[in-house]
Amino acid sequence: MNRPTTERGTALSSRLVPLDENEIKMLLVAIRQVQHTFVIAEAQSVAAGEPLAGDYEDLREAYVRLHDKLSDLAGGAGAKPHIVK
């Protein structure tokens, strides 16, 4: 039995995890926090004159792709967090 693979050829799990809209939005918030951390780390590296890790840009782009996929699931570009009063 052949399992689906990712772009890098890694086998994907055959298990699907059902997520509701709130869980998808929580994952989007977590990804945005990671992306913010990337911005801070990049600024600190540049300020210190240190080179970025070799796989930095690939990892950053992977988070952007994941965010885009989850954003599409949550309703597209309009799926920004809402402030509840």
Protein backbone atom coordinates (compact mmCIF):
# COMPACT_ATOMS: atom_id res chain seq x y z
CA MET A 1 0.00 0.00 0.00
CA ASN A 2 1.46 3.35 -1.04
CA ARG A 3 1.04 6.23 1.38
CA PRO A 4 0.74 9.82 0.11
CA THR A 5 3.95 11.79 0.45
CA THR A 6 4.90 15.40 1.03
CA GLU A 7 6.97 17.52 -1.34
CA ARG A 8 10.09 16.20 0.37
CA GLY A 9 8.96 12.59 -0.05
CA THR A 10 8.10 11.96 3.60
CA ALA A 11 5.20 9.56 4.14
CA LEU A 12 2.03 11.17 5.45
CA SER A 13 -0.06 9.60 8.16
CA SER A 14 -3.30 8.06 6.96
CA ARG A 15 -5.11 9.45 10.03
CA LEU A 16 -7.23 12.55 9.64
CA VAL A 17 -7.87 14.83 12.57
CA PRO A 18 -11.19 16.67 12.54
CA LEU A 19 -10.76 20.32 13.54
CA ASP A 20 -13.54 22.80 14.16
CA GLU A 21 -13.33 26.45 13.12
CA ASN A 22 -12.06 27.60 16.54
CA GLU A 23 -9.27 25.00 16.56
CA ILE A 24 -8.15 26.11 13.10
CA LYS A 25 -8.15 29.73 14.26
CA MET A 26 -6.08 28.79 17.32
CA LEU A 27 -3.53 27.11 15.05
CA LEU A 28 -3.44 30.25 12.89
CA VAL A 29 -2.72 32.36 15.99
CA ALA A 30 0.08 29.98 16.99
CA ILE A 31 1.60 30.18 13.52
CA ARG A 32 1.43 33.98 13.58
CA GLN A 33 3.31 33.91 16.89
CA VAL A 34 6.01 31.70 15.38
CA GLN A 35 6.25 34.07 12.41
CA HIS A 36 6.62 37.01 14.82
CA THR A 37 9.40 35.11 16.58
CA PHE A 38 11.13 34.70 13.20
CA VAL A 39 11.03 38.48 12.68
CA ILE A 40 12.57 39.09 16.10
CA ALA A 41 15.25 36.41 15.64
CA GLU A 42 16.15 37.76 12.21
CA ALA A 43 16.48 41.32 13.54
CA GLN A 44 18.67 40.14 16.41
CA SER A 45 20.92 38.14 14.08
CA VAL A 46 21.30 41.07 11.71
CA ALA A 47 22.03 43.46 14.61
CA ALA A 48 24.67 41.08 15.96
CA GLY A 49 26.20 40.60 12.52
CA GLU A 50 25.51 36.87 12.64
CA PRO A 51 24.43 34.90 9.59
CA LEU A 52 21.01 33.26 9.58
CA ALA A 53 20.83 29.48 9.75
CA GLY A 54 21.04 27.79 6.35
CA ASP A 55 17.51 26.42 6.48
CA TYR A 56 15.98 29.57 7.99
CA GLU A 57 14.27 30.80 4.84
CA ASP A 58 12.92 27.33 3.96
CA LEU A 59 11.43 26.95 7.43
CA ARG A 60 9.95 30.44 7.34
CA GLU A 61 8.35 29.72 3.95
CA ALA A 62 6.96 26.42 5.26
CA TYR A 63 5.13 28.31 8.01
CA VAL A 64 3.76 30.78 5.44
CA ARG A 65 2.44 27.87 3.33
CA LEU A 66 0.90 26.21 6.38
CA HIS A 67 -0.72 29.49 7.42
CA ASP A 68 -2.15 29.94 3.92
CA LYS A 69 -3.61 26.41 3.89
CA LEU A 70 -5.23 26.79 7.30
CA SER A 71 -6.46 30.28 6.43
CA ASP A 72 -8.21 28.82 3.39
CA LEU A 73 -9.88 26.23 5.63
CA ALA A 74 -11.01 28.95 8.02
CA GLY A 75 -12.62 31.03 5.30
CA GLY A 76 -9.82 32.60 3.32
CA ALA A 77 -8.15 35.97 3.69
CA GLY A 78 -11.02 37.31 5.79
CA ALA A 79 -10.29 34.79 8.54
CA LYS A 80 -8.46 37.29 10.71
CA PRO A 81 -9.02 37.15 14.46
CA HIS A 82 -11.94 39.20 15.70
CA ILE A 83 -11.90 41.27 18.88
CA VAL A 84 -14.81 40.27 21.08
CA LYS A 85 -16.08 42.85 23.56
